[in-house]
N, C-alpha and C. Protein backbone atom coordinates (compact mmCIF):
# COMPACT_ATOMS: atom_id res chain seq x y z
N UNK A 1 3.71 -5.55 18.98
CA UNK A 1 2.44 -5.00 18.54
C UNK A 1 1.45 -6.15 18.38
N UNK A 2 0.26 -5.94 18.85
CA UNK A 2 -0.77 -6.98 18.77
C UNK A 2 -1.21 -7.16 17.32
N UNK A 3 -1.72 -8.34 16.99
CA UNK A 3 -2.21 -8.56 15.62
C UNK A 3 -3.31 -7.56 15.22
N UNK A 4 -4.15 -7.20 16.17
CA UNK A 4 -5.22 -6.25 15.87
C UNK A 4 -4.64 -4.87 15.54
N UNK A 5 -3.66 -4.44 16.32
CA UNK A 5 -3.01 -3.15 16.06
C UNK A 5 -2.27 -3.17 14.73
N UNK A 6 -1.64 -4.29 14.42
CA UNK A 6 -0.92 -4.42 13.15
C UNK A 6 -1.89 -4.33 11.98
N UNK A 7 -3.04 -4.99 12.10
CA UNK A 7 -4.05 -4.92 11.04
C UNK A 7 -4.57 -3.49 10.88
N UNK A 8 -4.79 -2.80 12.01
CA UNK A 8 -5.25 -1.42 11.95
C UNK A 8 -4.24 -0.50 11.29
N UNK A 9 -2.97 -0.70 11.61
CA UNK A 9 -1.93 0.13 11.02
C UNK A 9 -1.82 -0.14 9.51
N UNK A 10 -1.87 -1.41 9.14
CA UNK A 10 -1.79 -1.76 7.73
C UNK A 10 -2.98 -1.18 6.96
N UNK A 11 -4.17 -1.28 7.53
CA UNK A 11 -5.34 -0.71 6.88
C UNK A 11 -5.22 0.81 6.75
N UNK A 12 -4.68 1.47 7.76
CA UNK A 12 -4.51 2.93 7.71
C UNK A 12 -3.54 3.33 6.60
N UNK A 13 -2.45 2.59 6.46
CA UNK A 13 -1.49 2.90 5.40
C UNK A 13 -2.12 2.65 4.03
N UNK A 14 -2.89 1.58 3.90
CA UNK A 14 -3.56 1.30 2.63
C UNK A 14 -4.58 2.39 2.29
N UNK A 15 -5.31 2.87 3.28
CA UNK A 15 -6.26 3.95 3.04
C UNK A 15 -5.55 5.24 2.65
N UNK A 16 -4.41 5.49 3.25
CA UNK A 16 -3.62 6.67 2.87
C UNK A 16 -3.13 6.55 1.43
N UNK A 17 -2.70 5.36 1.06
CA UNK A 17 -2.26 5.14 -0.32
C UNK A 17 -3.42 5.33 -1.30
N UNK A 18 -4.59 4.82 -0.96
CA UNK A 18 -5.77 5.01 -1.82
C UNK A 18 -6.11 6.49 -1.94
N UNK A 19 -5.97 7.24 -0.85
CA UNK A 19 -6.24 8.68 -0.89
C UNK A 19 -5.25 9.40 -1.80
N UNK A 20 -3.99 9.01 -1.72
CA UNK A 20 -2.98 9.60 -2.61
C UNK A 20 -3.36 9.36 -4.06
N UNK A 21 -3.73 8.13 -4.39
CA UNK A 21 -4.12 7.82 -5.76
C UNK A 21 -5.36 8.60 -6.18
N UNK A 22 -6.35 8.68 -5.30
CA UNK A 22 -7.59 9.37 -5.65
C UNK A 22 -7.33 10.84 -5.98
N UNK A 23 -6.47 11.48 -5.21
CA UNK A 23 -6.16 12.89 -5.46
C UNK A 23 -5.23 13.04 -6.66
N UNK A 24 -4.23 12.18 -6.74
CA UNK A 24 -3.25 12.24 -7.81
C UNK A 24 -3.93 12.11 -9.18
N UNK A 25 -4.85 11.18 -9.30
CA UNK A 25 -5.48 10.91 -10.60
C UNK A 25 -6.88 11.52 -10.73
N UNK A 26 -7.21 12.47 -9.87
CA UNK A 26 -8.55 13.07 -9.91
C UNK A 26 -8.82 13.78 -11.24
N UNK A 27 -7.84 14.36 -11.84
CA UNK A 27 -8.02 15.09 -13.10
C UNK A 27 -7.55 14.30 -14.31
N UNK A 28 -7.29 13.04 -14.14
CA UNK A 28 -6.81 12.21 -15.25
C UNK A 28 -7.90 12.08 -16.31
N UNK A 29 -7.49 12.07 -17.55
CA UNK A 29 -8.51 11.98 -18.60
C UNK A 29 -9.13 10.59 -18.67
N UNK A 30 -8.47 9.60 -18.11
CA UNK A 30 -9.02 8.25 -17.98
C UNK A 30 -9.33 7.99 -16.51
N UNK A 31 -10.15 8.86 -15.93
CA UNK A 31 -10.39 8.85 -14.50
C UNK A 31 -10.87 7.50 -13.99
N UNK A 32 -11.89 6.93 -14.62
CA UNK A 32 -12.45 5.67 -14.13
C UNK A 32 -11.42 4.55 -14.17
N UNK A 33 -10.69 4.45 -15.24
CA UNK A 33 -9.66 3.41 -15.36
C UNK A 33 -8.58 3.59 -14.28
N UNK A 34 -8.16 4.83 -14.06
CA UNK A 34 -7.11 5.06 -13.05
C UNK A 34 -7.62 4.73 -11.65
N UNK A 35 -8.88 5.03 -11.39
CA UNK A 35 -9.43 4.70 -10.06
C UNK A 35 -9.57 3.19 -9.88
N UNK A 36 -9.98 2.50 -10.92
CA UNK A 36 -10.12 1.04 -10.83
C UNK A 36 -8.77 0.35 -10.69
N UNK A 37 -7.75 0.86 -11.35
CA UNK A 37 -6.44 0.22 -11.33
C UNK A 37 -5.64 0.61 -10.09
N UNK A 38 -5.74 1.86 -9.66
CA UNK A 38 -4.89 2.33 -8.57
C UNK A 38 -5.62 2.48 -7.23
N UNK A 39 -6.77 3.11 -7.21
CA UNK A 39 -7.43 3.42 -5.95
C UNK A 39 -8.19 2.23 -5.37
N UNK A 40 -8.87 1.47 -6.20
CA UNK A 40 -9.71 0.38 -5.72
C UNK A 40 -8.93 -0.75 -5.03
N UNK A 41 -7.80 -1.22 -5.57
CA UNK A 41 -7.12 -2.34 -4.90
C UNK A 41 -6.71 -2.07 -3.44
N UNK A 42 -6.09 -0.91 -3.12
CA UNK A 42 -5.78 -0.71 -1.71
C UNK A 42 -7.02 -0.58 -0.83
N UNK A 43 -8.10 -0.05 -1.38
CA UNK A 43 -9.34 0.03 -0.60
C UNK A 43 -9.89 -1.36 -0.30
N UNK A 44 -9.94 -2.21 -1.30
CA UNK A 44 -10.44 -3.57 -1.09
C UNK A 44 -9.53 -4.36 -0.16
N UNK A 45 -8.24 -4.17 -0.31
CA UNK A 45 -7.30 -4.89 0.58
C UNK A 45 -7.41 -4.37 2.01
N UNK A 46 -7.65 -3.09 2.20
CA UNK A 46 -7.84 -2.55 3.55
C UNK A 46 -9.06 -3.19 4.21
N UNK A 47 -10.12 -3.38 3.44
CA UNK A 47 -11.31 -4.06 3.97
C UNK A 47 -10.96 -5.50 4.35
N UNK A 48 -10.24 -6.19 3.46
CA UNK A 48 -9.84 -7.57 3.75
C UNK A 48 -8.97 -7.67 4.99
N UNK A 49 -8.05 -6.73 5.14
CA UNK A 49 -7.17 -6.73 6.31
C UNK A 49 -7.99 -6.51 7.58
N UNK A 50 -8.90 -5.53 7.54
CA UNK A 50 -9.71 -5.24 8.73
C UNK A 50 -10.64 -6.40 9.09
N UNK A 51 -11.09 -7.14 8.09
CA UNK A 51 -11.95 -8.29 8.36
C UNK A 51 -11.16 -9.54 8.77
N UNK A 52 -9.84 -9.43 8.72
CA UNK A 52 -9.00 -10.54 9.16
C UNK A 52 -8.85 -11.64 8.14
N UNK A 53 -9.03 -11.33 6.87
CA UNK A 53 -8.84 -12.33 5.83
C UNK A 53 -7.38 -12.74 5.78
N UNK A 54 -7.12 -14.03 5.82
CA UNK A 54 -5.77 -14.55 5.95
C UNK A 54 -4.82 -14.21 4.82
N UNK A 55 -5.32 -14.18 3.60
CA UNK A 55 -4.46 -13.93 2.44
C UNK A 55 -4.27 -12.44 2.14
N UNK A 56 -5.06 -11.58 2.75
CA UNK A 56 -4.98 -10.15 2.45
C UNK A 56 -3.58 -9.57 2.68
N UNK A 57 -2.92 -9.84 3.83
CA UNK A 57 -1.58 -9.27 4.01
C UNK A 57 -0.57 -9.78 2.97
N UNK A 58 -0.74 -11.02 2.53
CA UNK A 58 0.15 -11.53 1.48
C UNK A 58 -0.03 -10.73 0.20
N UNK A 59 -1.29 -10.54 -0.23
CA UNK A 59 -1.54 -9.81 -1.47
C UNK A 59 -1.18 -8.34 -1.33
N UNK A 60 -1.31 -7.80 -0.13
CA UNK A 60 -0.86 -6.43 0.11
C UNK A 60 0.64 -6.33 -0.18
N UNK A 61 1.41 -7.30 0.34
CA UNK A 61 2.85 -7.29 0.11
C UNK A 61 3.21 -7.44 -1.36
N UNK A 62 2.49 -8.29 -2.06
CA UNK A 62 2.75 -8.49 -3.49
C UNK A 62 2.45 -7.21 -4.26
N UNK A 63 1.29 -6.62 -4.03
CA UNK A 63 0.94 -5.40 -4.76
C UNK A 63 1.81 -4.21 -4.35
N UNK A 64 2.32 -4.23 -3.14
CA UNK A 64 3.20 -3.13 -2.71
C UNK A 64 4.47 -3.07 -3.56
N UNK A 65 4.91 -4.21 -4.05
CA UNK A 65 6.07 -4.21 -4.95
C UNK A 65 5.74 -3.48 -6.25
N UNK A 66 4.53 -3.68 -6.75
CA UNK A 66 4.07 -2.94 -7.92
C UNK A 66 3.99 -1.45 -7.61
N UNK A 67 3.39 -1.11 -6.47
CA UNK A 67 3.24 0.30 -6.11
C UNK A 67 4.59 0.97 -5.96
N UNK A 68 5.54 0.28 -5.34
CA UNK A 68 6.88 0.83 -5.19
C UNK A 68 7.51 1.07 -6.56
N UNK A 69 7.43 0.08 -7.43
CA UNK A 69 8.02 0.21 -8.77
C UNK A 69 7.37 1.34 -9.56
N UNK A 70 6.06 1.46 -9.45
CA UNK A 70 5.36 2.54 -10.13
C UNK A 70 5.81 3.90 -9.59
N UNK A 71 5.99 3.99 -8.28
CA UNK A 71 6.44 5.24 -7.68
C UNK A 71 7.83 5.64 -8.16
N UNK A 72 8.74 4.68 -8.22
CA UNK A 72 10.10 4.96 -8.70
C UNK A 72 10.05 5.42 -10.16
N UNK A 73 9.32 4.68 -10.97
CA UNK A 73 9.23 5.01 -12.39
C UNK A 73 8.59 6.39 -12.60
N UNK A 74 7.53 6.68 -11.87
CA UNK A 74 6.85 7.97 -12.02
C UNK A 74 7.70 9.12 -11.52
N UNK A 75 8.37 8.93 -10.40
CA UNK A 75 9.23 9.99 -9.87
C UNK A 75 10.36 10.32 -10.84
N UNK A 76 10.86 9.31 -11.50
CA UNK A 76 11.97 9.49 -12.43
C UNK A 76 11.51 10.14 -13.73
N UNK A 77 10.37 9.69 -14.26
CA UNK A 77 9.98 10.11 -15.60
C UNK A 77 9.01 11.29 -15.65
N UNK A 78 8.39 11.65 -14.54
CA UNK A 78 7.43 12.76 -14.53
C UNK A 78 7.74 13.71 -13.37
N UNK A 79 8.71 14.58 -13.54
CA UNK A 79 9.09 15.48 -12.45
C UNK A 79 7.95 16.38 -11.98
N UNK A 80 6.98 16.66 -12.84
CA UNK A 80 5.88 17.55 -12.46
C UNK A 80 4.95 16.91 -11.43
N UNK A 81 4.94 15.59 -11.34
CA UNK A 81 4.11 14.90 -10.33
C UNK A 81 4.98 14.06 -9.39
N UNK A 82 6.23 14.41 -9.28
CA UNK A 82 7.16 13.62 -8.46
C UNK A 82 6.74 13.59 -7.00
N UNK A 83 6.11 14.63 -6.50
CA UNK A 83 5.69 14.64 -5.09
C UNK A 83 4.67 13.53 -4.83
N UNK A 84 3.76 13.29 -5.78
CA UNK A 84 2.81 12.19 -5.61
C UNK A 84 3.51 10.84 -5.71
N UNK A 85 4.46 10.76 -6.62
CA UNK A 85 5.20 9.51 -6.78
C UNK A 85 6.01 9.18 -5.52
N UNK A 86 6.60 10.21 -4.91
CA UNK A 86 7.36 9.98 -3.68
C UNK A 86 6.43 9.57 -2.53
N UNK A 87 5.25 10.15 -2.48
CA UNK A 87 4.28 9.73 -1.46
C UNK A 87 3.90 8.27 -1.68
N UNK A 88 3.67 7.88 -2.94
CA UNK A 88 3.35 6.49 -3.26
C UNK A 88 4.50 5.57 -2.87
N UNK A 89 5.69 5.97 -3.20
CA UNK A 89 6.88 5.17 -2.91
C UNK A 89 7.05 4.96 -1.40
N UNK A 90 6.93 6.01 -0.63
CA UNK A 90 7.10 5.90 0.82
C UNK A 90 5.98 5.09 1.46
N UNK A 91 4.75 5.27 0.98
CA UNK A 91 3.64 4.47 1.51
C UNK A 91 3.79 3.00 1.13
N UNK A 92 4.29 2.74 -0.07
CA UNK A 92 4.53 1.34 -0.47
C UNK A 92 5.58 0.70 0.44
N UNK A 93 6.62 1.44 0.78
CA UNK A 93 7.62 0.91 1.72
C UNK A 93 7.00 0.66 3.09
N UNK A 94 6.13 1.56 3.52
CA UNK A 94 5.44 1.36 4.81
C UNK A 94 4.56 0.12 4.76
N UNK A 95 3.86 -0.08 3.65
CA UNK A 95 3.01 -1.26 3.48
C UNK A 95 3.86 -2.53 3.56
N UNK A 96 4.98 -2.53 2.87
CA UNK A 96 5.86 -3.70 2.88
C UNK A 96 6.35 -3.97 4.30
N UNK A 97 6.77 -2.93 5.00
CA UNK A 97 7.27 -3.10 6.36
C UNK A 97 6.21 -3.61 7.33
N UNK A 98 5.03 -2.99 7.28
CA UNK A 98 3.97 -3.38 8.22
C UNK A 98 3.44 -4.77 7.90
N UNK A 99 3.28 -5.08 6.62
CA UNK A 99 2.75 -6.41 6.27
C UNK A 99 3.75 -7.52 6.52
N UNK A 100 5.03 -7.20 6.49
CA UNK A 100 6.07 -8.21 6.71
C UNK A 100 6.49 -8.36 8.17
N UNK A 101 6.13 -7.41 9.00
CA UNK A 101 6.59 -7.39 10.39
C UNK A 101 6.27 -8.67 11.17
N UNK A 102 5.04 -9.20 11.11
CA UNK A 102 4.77 -10.41 11.89
C UNK A 102 5.66 -11.60 11.49
N UNK A 103 5.85 -11.79 10.21
CA UNK A 103 6.70 -12.88 9.75
C UNK A 103 8.15 -12.68 10.13
N UNK A 104 8.62 -11.44 10.05
CA UNK A 104 10.01 -11.15 10.44
C UNK A 104 10.21 -11.35 11.94
N UNK A 105 9.21 -10.92 12.73
CA UNK A 105 9.32 -11.14 14.18
C UNK A 105 9.35 -12.62 14.51
N UNK A 106 8.51 -13.39 13.83
CA UNK A 106 8.47 -14.81 14.09
C UNK A 106 9.78 -15.49 13.66
N UNK A 107 10.32 -15.06 12.55
CA UNK A 107 11.54 -15.68 12.04
C UNK A 107 12.77 -15.29 12.84
N UNK A 108 12.89 -14.02 13.15
CA UNK A 108 14.12 -13.51 13.77
C UNK A 108 13.96 -13.15 15.25
N UNK A 109 12.75 -13.26 15.79
CA UNK A 109 12.52 -12.91 17.18
C UNK A 109 13.05 -13.96 18.12
N UNK A 110 12.85 -13.74 19.40
CA UNK A 110 13.34 -14.69 20.40
C UNK A 110 12.66 -16.05 20.25
N UNK A 111 13.44 -17.07 20.39
CA UNK A 111 12.90 -18.44 20.32
C UNK A 111 12.33 -18.80 21.67
N UNK A 112 11.18 -19.42 21.65
CA UNK A 112 10.62 -19.73 22.95
C UNK A 112 9.57 -20.71 22.95
């Protein structure tokens, strides 16, 4: 996969994650705080990824660990919103996979 395609895919997954958060927390009584903490970071990182900022994929991977942990914790402790938590969890895994793919290919790919 080309670097441009990889950036596009990563941005798409980040935008999907932001959409999940926006809908999930739309009726939250602390709406602004939830949007600033959950929805804004993937949106800003998607912009950074699309602009080709070098550190954006690193920070995406770091925050994806938080998103994954939050998804596991929410799915376990709030069965009424487990479907949103599972969406978050799966998208976090996708973010980790897509953001790590270039480094994994370089490390384990053919030597040449």
